[in-house]
Amino acid sequence: MSAFYLLTKPNCPLCTQAIQLLHSLDLEEPVELGVVDIAEQQELQEEYGWLVPVFIRGKDDAELRWPFDANQLLEFVEQ
């Protein structure tokens, strides 16, 4: 099982879309998803405040920043 993190913030409709995209994927293996609220960490808020949603792959810290579609997300998750 691969681990991923989703950087998000409160009242973020794009973040909701990103989670829905992830749930819509036809994955061979399940993924572990940690949701990180950047509003709770000043450093993350400064770095990612205008960029969320951002998926981060746990094994190599690679980032997939919005905008992305289901195909791009699938490719990112399966790498």
C-alpha atoms as a PDB file:
ATOM      1  CA  MET A   1       0.000   0.000   0.000  1.00  0.00           C
ATOM      2  CA  SER A   2       1.396   3.357  -1.029  1.00  0.00           C
ATOM      3  CA  ALA A   3       1.173   6.390   1.235  1.00  0.00           C
ATOM      4  CA  PHE A   4       0.075   9.805   0.012  1.00  0.00           C
ATOM      5  CA  TYR A   5      -0.720  13.110   1.667  1.00  0.00           C
ATOM      6  CA  LEU A   6      -3.199  15.698   0.538  1.00  0.00           C
ATOM      7  CA  LEU A   7      -2.411  19.264   1.514  1.00  0.00           C
ATOM      8  CA  THR A   8      -5.686  21.082   2.022  1.00  0.00           C
ATOM      9  CA  LYS A   9      -7.256  23.976   3.897  1.00  0.00           C
ATOM     10  CA  PRO A  10     -10.711  24.696   5.305  1.00  0.00           C
ATOM     11  CA  ASN A  11     -13.529  25.534   2.896  1.00  0.00           C
ATOM     12  CA  CYS A  12     -11.559  24.413  -0.152  1.00  0.00           C
ATOM     13  CA  PRO A  13     -13.872  23.197  -2.946  1.00  0.00           C
ATOM     14  CA  LEU A  14     -10.892  22.231  -5.113  1.00  0.00           C
ATOM     15  CA  CYS A  15      -9.657  19.998  -2.298  1.00  0.00           C
ATOM     16  CA  THR A  16     -13.031  18.271  -2.250  1.00  0.00           C
ATOM     17  CA  GLN A  17     -12.752  17.758  -6.016  1.00  0.00           C
ATOM     18  CA  ALA A  18      -9.273  16.274  -5.593  1.00  0.00           C
ATOM     19  CA  ILE A  19     -10.534  13.740  -3.047  1.00  0.00           C
ATOM     20  CA  GLN A  20     -13.448  12.842  -5.327  1.00  0.00           C
ATOM     21  CA  LEU A  21     -11.017  12.307  -8.202  1.00  0.00           C
ATOM     22  CA  LEU A  22      -8.925   9.981  -6.056  1.00  0.00           C
ATOM     23  CA  HIS A  23     -12.014   7.976  -5.071  1.00  0.00           C
ATOM     24  CA  SER A  24     -13.066   7.696  -8.717  1.00  0.00           C
ATOM     25  CA  LEU A  25      -9.821   6.042  -9.816  1.00  0.00           C
ATOM     26  CA  ASP A  26      -9.737   2.356 -10.685  1.00  0.00           C
ATOM     27  CA  LEU A  27      -6.629   1.445  -8.685  1.00  0.00           C
ATOM     28  CA  GLU A  28      -4.928  -1.933  -8.592  1.00  0.00           C
ATOM     29  CA  GLU A  29      -3.966  -1.434  -4.929  1.00  0.00           C
ATOM     30  CA  PRO A  30      -5.467   0.771  -2.230  1.00  0.00           C
ATOM     31  CA  VAL A  31      -3.606   3.878  -1.144  1.00  0.00           C
ATOM     32  CA  GLU A  32      -3.134   5.275   2.317  1.00  0.00           C
ATOM     33  CA  LEU A  33      -4.123   8.940   2.376  1.00  0.00           C
ATOM     34  CA  GLY A  34      -3.200  11.403   5.083  1.00  0.00           C
ATOM     35  CA  VAL A  35      -4.977  14.749   4.949  1.00  0.00           C
ATOM     36  CA  VAL A  36      -2.906  17.710   6.132  1.00  0.00           C
ATOM     37  CA  ASP A  37      -4.638  20.998   6.967  1.00  0.00           C
ATOM     38  CA  ILE A  38      -2.047  23.634   6.082  1.00  0.00           C
ATOM     39  CA  ALA A  39      -3.935  26.254   8.116  1.00  0.00           C
ATOM     40  CA  GLU A  40      -2.640  24.519  11.252  1.00  0.00           C
ATOM     41  CA  GLN A  41       1.030  24.922  10.267  1.00  0.00           C
ATOM     42  CA  GLN A  42       2.344  28.387   9.455  1.00  0.00           C
ATOM     43  CA  GLU A  43       5.288  27.088   7.417  1.00  0.00           C
ATOM     44  CA  LEU A  44       3.040  24.993   5.162  1.00  0.00           C
ATOM     45  CA  GLN A  45       0.544  27.821   4.844  1.00  0.00           C
ATOM     46  CA  GLU A  46       3.278  30.181   3.616  1.00  0.00           C
ATOM     47  CA  GLU A  47       4.608  27.641   1.109  1.00  0.00           C
ATOM     48  CA  TYR A  48       1.355  26.133  -0.190  1.00  0.00           C
ATOM     49  CA  GLY A  49      -1.343  28.689   0.688  1.00  0.00           C
ATOM     50  CA  TRP A  50      -2.309  29.417  -2.932  1.00  0.00           C
ATOM     51  CA  LEU A  51      -1.382  26.011  -4.343  1.00  0.00           C
ATOM     52  CA  VAL A  52      -3.738  23.584  -2.596  1.00  0.00           C
ATOM     53  CA  PRO A  53      -4.810  20.969  -3.251  1.00  0.00           C
ATOM     54  CA  VAL A  54      -1.450  19.241  -3.517  1.00  0.00           C
ATOM     55  CA  PHE A  55      -0.922  15.472  -3.421  1.00  0.00           C
ATOM     56  CA  ILE A  56       2.442  14.367  -2.057  1.00  0.00           C
ATOM     57  CA  ARG A  57       3.761  10.849  -2.641  1.00  0.00           C
ATOM     58  CA  GLY A  58       5.232   9.516   0.588  1.00  0.00           C
ATOM     59  CA  LYS A  59       8.017   7.392  -0.882  1.00  0.00           C
ATOM     60  CA  ASP A  60       9.776  10.238  -2.696  1.00  0.00           C
ATOM     61  CA  ASP A  61       7.985  13.467  -1.668  1.00  0.00           C
ATOM     62  CA  ALA A  62       6.999  14.123  -5.295  1.00  0.00           C
ATOM     63  CA  GLU A  63       4.178  16.661  -5.642  1.00  0.00           C
ATOM     64  CA  LEU A  64       1.153  16.850  -7.907  1.00  0.00           C
ATOM     65  CA  ARG A  65      -0.235  20.373  -7.757  1.00  0.00           C
ATOM     66  CA  TRP A  66      -3.639  21.560  -8.898  1.00  0.00           C
ATOM     67  CA  PRO A  67      -4.873  21.675 -11.608  1.00  0.00           C
ATOM     68  CA  PHE A  68      -4.812  17.977 -12.498  1.00  0.00           C
ATOM     69  CA  ASP A  69      -7.280  15.535 -13.970  1.00  0.00           C
ATOM     70  CA  ALA A  70      -8.059  11.894 -13.235  1.00  0.00           C
ATOM     71  CA  ASN A  71      -5.506  10.620 -15.755  1.00  0.00           C
ATOM     72  CA  GLN A  72      -2.713  12.733 -14.285  1.00  0.00           C
ATOM     73  CA  LEU A  73      -3.660  11.661 -10.771  1.00  0.00           C
ATOM     74  CA  LEU A  74      -3.765   7.986 -11.767  1.00  0.00           C
ATOM     75  CA  GLU A  75      -0.315   8.232 -13.343  1.00  0.00           C
ATOM     76  CA  PHE A  76       1.021   9.983 -10.232  1.00  0.00           C
ATOM     77  CA  VAL A  77      -0.440   7.379  -7.863  1.00  0.00           C
ATOM     78  CA  GLU A  78       0.791   4.416  -9.895  1.00  0.00           C
ATOM     79  CA  GLN A  79       4.401   5.599 -10.211  1.00  0.00           C
END
